[in-house]
C-alpha atoms as a PDB file:
ATOM      1  CA  MET A   1      58.728 205.665 136.541  1.00  0.00           C
ATOM      2  CA  ARG A   2      61.522 205.811 139.108  1.00  0.00           C
ATOM      3  CA  ILE A   3      60.403 207.304 142.447  1.00  0.00           C
ATOM      4  CA  ALA A   4      62.725 207.788 145.416  1.00  0.00           C
ATOM      5  CA  THR A   5      62.731 209.358 148.862  1.00  0.00           C
ATOM      6  CA  TRP A   6      65.508 211.000 150.862  1.00  0.00           C
ATOM      7  CA  ASN A   7      65.602 212.536 154.322  1.00  0.00           C
ATOM      8  CA  VAL A   8      68.110 215.100 153.174  1.00  0.00           C
ATOM      9  CA  ASN A   9      68.617 216.670 156.646  1.00  0.00           C
ATOM     10  CA  SER A  10      69.238 220.176 155.207  1.00  0.00           C
ATOM     11  CA  ILE A  11      69.123 220.902 151.520  1.00  0.00           C
ATOM     12  CA  THR A  12      71.601 223.728 152.045  1.00  0.00           C
ATOM     13  CA  ALA A  13      74.196 221.304 153.430  1.00  0.00           C
ATOM     14  CA  ARG A  14      73.487 218.591 150.836  1.00  0.00           C
ATOM     15  CA  LEU A  15      72.779 220.602 147.680  1.00  0.00           C
ATOM     16  CA  PRO A  16      75.902 219.558 145.705  1.00  0.00           C
ATOM     17  CA  ARG A  17      75.229 215.885 146.521  1.00  0.00           C
ATOM     18  CA  LEU A  18      71.529 216.242 145.736  1.00  0.00           C
ATOM     19  CA  LEU A  19      72.197 217.770 142.324  1.00  0.00           C
ATOM     20  CA  ALA A  20      74.883 215.206 141.458  1.00  0.00           C
ATOM     21  CA  TRP A  21      72.647 212.333 142.543  1.00  0.00           C
ATOM     22  CA  LEU A  22      69.708 213.607 140.494  1.00  0.00           C
ATOM     23  CA  GLU A  23      71.958 213.866 137.437  1.00  0.00           C
ATOM     24  CA  SER A  24      73.260 210.320 137.799  1.00  0.00           C
ATOM     25  CA  SER A  25      70.314 208.363 139.229  1.00  0.00           C
ATOM     26  CA  GLY A  26      67.653 208.648 136.544  1.00  0.00           C
ATOM     27  CA  THR A  27      65.067 209.451 139.208  1.00  0.00           C
ATOM     28  CA  ASP A  28      61.813 210.863 137.870  1.00  0.00           C
ATOM     29  CA  VAL A  29      60.253 211.862 141.202  1.00  0.00           C
ATOM     30  CA  LEU A  30      62.074 212.536 144.461  1.00  0.00           C
ATOM     31  CA  CYS A  31      60.394 213.124 147.814  1.00  0.00           C
ATOM     32  CA  LEU A  32      62.502 215.059 150.311  1.00  0.00           C
ATOM     33  CA  GLN A  33      62.156 215.442 154.062  1.00  0.00           C
ATOM     34  CA  GLU A  34      63.884 217.756 156.556  1.00  0.00           C
ATOM     35  CA  ALA A  35      64.503 220.505 154.016  1.00  0.00           C
ATOM     36  CA  LYS A  36      65.448 222.842 156.885  1.00  0.00           C
ATOM     37  CA  LEU A  37      65.078 226.015 154.850  1.00  0.00           C
ATOM     38  CA  ALA A  38      62.318 228.454 153.983  1.00  0.00           C
ATOM     39  CA  GLU A  39      60.497 227.998 150.701  1.00  0.00           C
ATOM     40  CA  ALA A  40      61.975 231.274 149.411  1.00  0.00           C
ATOM     41  CA  GLN A  41      65.477 229.783 149.862  1.00  0.00           C
ATOM     42  CA  PHE A  42      64.711 226.561 147.989  1.00  0.00           C
ATOM     43  CA  PRO A  43      67.046 225.923 144.998  1.00  0.00           C
ATOM     44  CA  PHE A  44      64.307 226.050 142.364  1.00  0.00           C
ATOM     45  CA  ASP A  45      66.640 227.422 139.655  1.00  0.00           C
ATOM     46  CA  GLN A  46      69.332 224.754 140.067  1.00  0.00           C
ATOM     47  CA  LEU A  47      66.688 222.020 139.953  1.00  0.00           C
ATOM     48  CA  ARG A  48      64.992 223.552 136.927  1.00  0.00           C
ATOM     49  CA  GLU A  49      68.335 223.412 135.099  1.00  0.00           C
ATOM     50  CA  LEU A  50      68.252 219.635 135.594  1.00  0.00           C
ATOM     51  CA  GLY A  51      64.657 219.433 134.340  1.00  0.00           C
ATOM     52  CA  TYR A  52      62.893 219.207 137.707  1.00  0.00           C
ATOM     53  CA  GLU A  53      59.902 221.127 138.964  1.00  0.00           C
ATOM     54  CA  ALA A  54      59.560 221.416 142.726  1.00  0.00           C
ATOM     55  CA  ALA A  55      56.673 221.714 145.157  1.00  0.00           C
ATOM     56  CA  VAL A  56      57.817 222.751 148.635  1.00  0.00           C
ATOM     57  CA  HIS A  57      56.206 223.058 152.043  1.00  0.00           C
ATOM     58  CA  ALA A  58      58.798 224.509 154.415  1.00  0.00           C
ATOM     59  CA  THR A  59      59.244 227.309 156.920  1.00  0.00           C
ATOM     60  CA  GLY A  60      62.978 227.265 157.539  1.00  0.00           C
ATOM     61  CA  ARG A  61      63.005 225.354 160.785  1.00  0.00           C
ATOM     62  CA  TRP A  62      63.565 221.641 161.473  1.00  0.00           C
ATOM     63  CA  ASN A  63      60.929 220.202 159.180  1.00  0.00           C
ATOM     64  CA  GLY A  64      60.055 220.866 155.572  1.00  0.00           C
ATOM     65  CA  VAL A  65      59.089 218.512 152.753  1.00  0.00           C
ATOM     66  CA  ALA A  66      59.242 218.663 148.978  1.00  0.00           C
ATOM     67  CA  VAL A  67      58.392 216.757 145.815  1.00  0.00           C
ATOM     68  CA  LEU A  68      60.727 217.100 142.828  1.00  0.00           C
ATOM     69  CA  SER A  69      59.501 215.861 139.463  1.00  0.00           C
ATOM     70  CA  ARG A  70      60.630 215.747 135.859  1.00  0.00           C
ATOM     71  CA  VAL A  71      57.366 214.085 134.732  1.00  0.00           C
ATOM     72  CA  GLY A  72      54.957 216.865 135.683  1.00  0.00           C
ATOM     73  CA  LEU A  73      53.746 218.373 138.930  1.00  0.00           C
ATOM     74  CA  GLU A  74      50.022 218.992 139.328  1.00  0.00           C
ATOM     75  CA  ASP A  75      47.366 219.220 142.039  1.00  0.00           C
ATOM     76  CA  VAL A  76      49.841 220.172 144.766  1.00  0.00           C
ATOM     77  CA  VAL A  77      48.482 220.122 148.320  1.00  0.00           C
ATOM     78  CA  LYS A  78      50.665 221.559 151.039  1.00  0.00           C
ATOM     79  CA  GLY A  79      50.083 220.265 154.529  1.00  0.00           C
ATOM     80  CA  LEU A  80      47.909 217.553 155.901  1.00  0.00           C
ATOM     81  CA  PRO A  81      44.139 218.025 155.933  1.00  0.00           C
ATOM     82  CA  GLY A  82      43.073 217.494 159.538  1.00  0.00           C
ATOM     83  CA  ASP A  83      46.602 218.151 160.797  1.00  0.00           C
ATOM     84  CA  PRO A  84      46.392 218.125 164.611  1.00  0.00           C
ATOM     85  CA  GLY A  85      49.297 220.575 164.903  1.00  0.00           C
ATOM     86  CA  TYR A  86      51.781 220.724 167.729  1.00  0.00           C
ATOM     87  CA  ASP A  87      51.583 223.466 170.319  1.00  0.00           C
ATOM     88  CA  GLY A  88      48.651 224.908 168.410  1.00  0.00           C
ATOM     89  CA  ALA A  89      50.292 225.102 164.994  1.00  0.00           C
ATOM     90  CA  PRO A  90      50.516 222.721 162.024  1.00  0.00           C
ATOM     91  CA  GLU A  91      54.066 221.872 160.966  1.00  0.00           C
ATOM     92  CA  PRO A  92      55.296 221.467 157.369  1.00  0.00           C
ATOM     93  CA  ARG A  93      55.405 217.674 157.398  1.00  0.00           C
ATOM     94  CA  ALA A  94      53.365 216.630 154.347  1.00  0.00           C
ATOM     95  CA  ILE A  95      52.993 217.594 150.717  1.00  0.00           C
ATOM     96  CA  SER A  96      51.291 215.744 147.895  1.00  0.00           C
ATOM     97  CA  ALA A  97      51.275 216.144 144.133  1.00  0.00           C
ATOM     98  CA  THR A  98      50.386 214.254 140.981  1.00  0.00           C
ATOM     99  CA  CYS A  99      53.481 213.398 138.958  1.00  0.00           C
ATOM    100  CA  GLY A 100      53.069 211.666 135.620  1.00  0.00           C
ATOM    101  CA  GLY A 101      49.687 210.311 136.665  1.00  0.00           C
ATOM    102  CA  VAL A 102      50.874 209.011 140.055  1.00  0.00           C
ATOM    103  CA  ARG A 103      49.708 210.654 143.273  1.00  0.00           C
ATOM    104  CA  VAL A 104      52.815 211.085 145.440  1.00  0.00           C
ATOM    105  CA  TRP A 105      52.997 212.023 149.111  1.00  0.00           C
ATOM    106  CA  SER A 106      56.201 213.167 150.807  1.00  0.00           C
ATOM    107  CA  VAL A 107      55.812 212.865 154.581  1.00  0.00           C
ATOM    108  CA  TYR A 108      57.980 213.500 157.598  1.00  0.00           C
ATOM    109  CA  VAL A 109      56.196 211.873 160.531  1.00  0.00           C
ATOM    110  CA  PRO A 110      56.820 213.573 163.899  1.00  0.00           C
ATOM    111  CA  ASN A 111      59.600 212.008 165.944  1.00  0.00           C
ATOM    112  CA  GLY A 112      57.651 211.613 169.166  1.00  0.00           C
ATOM    113  CA  ARG A 113      60.648 212.569 171.342  1.00  0.00           C
ATOM    114  CA  GLU A 114      59.777 210.455 174.410  1.00  0.00           C
ATOM    115  CA  VAL A 115      56.895 208.091 175.130  1.00  0.00           C
ATOM    116  CA  ASP A 116      55.434 210.343 177.851  1.00  0.00           C
ATOM    117  CA  HIS A 117      56.034 213.580 175.917  1.00  0.00           C
ATOM    118  CA  PRO A 118      53.137 215.525 174.319  1.00  0.00           C
ATOM    119  CA  HIS A 119      55.005 215.158 170.991  1.00  0.00           C
ATOM    120  CA  TYR A 120      54.437 211.396 171.171  1.00  0.00           C
ATOM    121  CA  ALA A 121      50.669 211.877 171.442  1.00  0.00           C
ATOM    122  CA  TYR A 122      50.926 214.370 168.562  1.00  0.00           C
ATOM    123  CA  LYS A 123      52.774 211.733 166.497  1.00  0.00           C
ATOM    124  CA  LEU A 124      49.956 209.223 166.947  1.00  0.00           C
ATOM    125  CA  GLN A 125      47.303 211.870 166.155  1.00  0.00           C
ATOM    126  CA  TRP A 126      49.301 212.909 163.087  1.00  0.00           C
ATOM    127  CA  PHE A 127      49.362 209.291 161.869  1.00  0.00           C
ATOM    128  CA  GLU A 128      45.549 209.168 162.156  1.00  0.00           C
ATOM    129  CA  ALA A 129      45.208 212.390 160.163  1.00  0.00           C
ATOM    130  CA  LEU A 130      47.601 211.044 157.518  1.00  0.00           C
ATOM    131  CA  LYS A 131      45.636 207.807 157.257  1.00  0.00           C
ATOM    132  CA  ALA A 132      42.381 209.715 156.755  1.00  0.00           C
ATOM    133  CA  ALA A 133      43.935 212.049 154.177  1.00  0.00           C
ATOM    134  CA  VAL A 134      45.571 209.245 152.224  1.00  0.00           C
ATOM    135  CA  ALA A 135      42.402 207.142 152.212  1.00  0.00           C
ATOM    136  CA  GLY A 136      40.460 210.090 150.804  1.00  0.00           C
ATOM    137  CA  ASP A 137      43.144 211.018 148.296  1.00  0.00           C
ATOM    138  CA  ALA A 138      43.751 207.462 147.108  1.00  0.00           C
ATOM    139  CA  ALA A 139      40.078 206.724 146.504  1.00  0.00           C
ATOM    140  CA  GLY A 140      40.433 207.857 142.886  1.00  0.00           C
ATOM    141  CA  SER A 141      41.545 205.684 140.000  1.00  0.00           C
ATOM    142  CA  ARG A 142      45.192 206.767 139.892  1.00  0.00           C
ATOM    143  CA  PRO A 143      48.103 204.917 141.475  1.00  0.00           C
ATOM    144  CA  PHE A 144      49.693 206.516 144.520  1.00  0.00           C
ATOM    145  CA  ALA A 145      52.751 206.293 146.746  1.00  0.00           C
ATOM    146  CA  ILE A 146      53.372 207.519 150.295  1.00  0.00           C
ATOM    147  CA  LEU A 147      57.085 208.079 150.763  1.00  0.00           C
ATOM    148  CA  GLY A 148      59.120 209.622 153.510  1.00  0.00           C
ATOM    149  CA  ASP A 149      60.561 209.326 156.961  1.00  0.00           C
ATOM    150  CA  TYR A 150      58.076 207.549 159.216  1.00  0.00           C
ATOM    151  CA  ASN A 151      60.200 207.586 162.384  1.00  0.00           C
ATOM    152  CA  VAL A 152      59.029 204.032 163.128  1.00  0.00           C
ATOM    153  CA  ALA A 153      60.910 200.734 162.983  1.00  0.00           C
ATOM    154  CA  PRO A 154      58.180 198.354 161.763  1.00  0.00           C
ATOM    155  CA  THR A 155      59.705 195.251 163.400  1.00  0.00           C
ATOM    156  CA  ASP A 156      62.480 194.367 165.825  1.00  0.00           C
ATOM    157  CA  ASP A 157      64.557 193.306 162.815  1.00  0.00           C
ATOM    158  CA  ASP A 158      64.602 196.944 161.675  1.00  0.00           C
ATOM    159  CA  VAL A 159      66.834 198.116 164.556  1.00  0.00           C
ATOM    160  CA  TYR A 160      70.403 197.126 165.250  1.00  0.00           C
ATOM    161  CA  ASP A 161      69.701 196.150 168.884  1.00  0.00           C
ATOM    162  CA  VAL A 162      66.113 196.009 170.108  1.00  0.00           C
ATOM    163  CA  ALA A 163      67.282 196.078 173.752  1.00  0.00           C
ATOM    164  CA  ALA A 164      68.867 199.490 173.133  1.00  0.00           C
ATOM    165  CA  PHE A 165      65.422 200.831 172.207  1.00  0.00           C
ATOM    166  CA  GLU A 166      63.601 199.503 175.269  1.00  0.00           C
ATOM    167  CA  GLY A 167      61.107 202.154 176.424  1.00  0.00           C
ATOM    168  CA  LEU A 168      61.983 204.578 173.610  1.00  0.00           C
ATOM    169  CA  THR A 169      59.992 205.909 170.701  1.00  0.00           C
ATOM    170  CA  HIS A 170      60.096 204.451 167.173  1.00  0.00           C
ATOM    171  CA  VAL A 171      59.487 200.886 168.406  1.00  0.00           C
ATOM    172  CA  THR A 172      56.422 201.123 170.647  1.00  0.00           C
ATOM    173  CA  PRO A 173      53.393 198.973 169.905  1.00  0.00           C
ATOM    174  CA  ALA A 174      51.256 202.104 169.370  1.00  0.00           C
ATOM    175  CA  GLU A 175      53.620 203.530 166.718  1.00  0.00           C
ATOM    176  CA  ARG A 176      53.928 200.209 164.950  1.00  0.00           C
ATOM    177  CA  ALA A 177      50.155 199.794 165.016  1.00  0.00           C
ATOM    178  CA  ALA A 178      49.710 203.291 163.542  1.00  0.00           C
ATOM    179  CA  LEU A 179      52.097 202.469 160.682  1.00  0.00           C
ATOM    180  CA  ALA A 180      50.410 199.108 160.067  1.00  0.00           C
ATOM    181  CA  SER A 181      46.994 200.789 160.073  1.00  0.00           C
ATOM    182  CA  LEU A 182      48.216 203.311 157.482  1.00  0.00           C
ATOM    183  CA  ARG A 183      49.538 200.491 155.311  1.00  0.00           C
ATOM    184  CA  GLU A 184      46.299 198.570 155.634  1.00  0.00           C
ATOM    185  CA  ALA A 185      44.162 201.606 154.755  1.00  0.00           C
ATOM    186  CA  ALA A 186      46.351 202.350 151.738  1.00  0.00           C
ATOM    187  CA  SER A 187      46.300 198.767 150.496  1.00  0.00           C
ATOM    188  CA  ARG A 188      42.526 198.505 150.997  1.00  0.00           C
ATOM    189  CA  THR A 189      42.037 201.648 148.973  1.00  0.00           C
ATOM    190  CA  TRP A 190      44.526 200.566 146.324  1.00  0.00           C
ATOM    191  CA  SER A 191      42.807 197.196 145.901  1.00  0.00           C
ATOM    192  CA  ARG A 192      39.663 199.059 144.791  1.00  0.00           C
ATOM    193  CA  VAL A 193      41.511 200.902 142.017  1.00  0.00           C
ATOM    194  CA  PRO A 194      40.654 199.364 138.620  1.00  0.00           C
END
């Protein structure tokens, strides 16, 4: 099974490229982030013509995630159980579905904005909620994948100039630790799968 992820940064702006890429890539499951449209505006019909079902969690603002599949789409869960929300409201940043026997998560981790900003604290809380949700979801006997835009550079080698990121988000020890903790929880759970 071929699974891919794409921060599409507006499906409306990228729809011709998205459709052409799906036709040529042989992708079975595609996770999208930054849909930037409401669910009612999602191009379900155009995707169906190419053989894809779609599960969407979007409100039409900056966020929005989706899972596209041509190998089945079952057990869809919109949102993140335990989502801490920002400014009192959960954002459409996670969706999960079972596609051809594989549990797939499409996630768009909060940016964090600035280290001292409340959005940064929200990002770290969101990572904890994602880790808990994934650990619970992955405890079954099916394979799973967590794909998306994590808004974290795991190591200094993942940025073009680490000095340019001094004191900024995406490279802080707390963000990197949150990503590593998610990876560790997922791999610990996966190692128990028969």
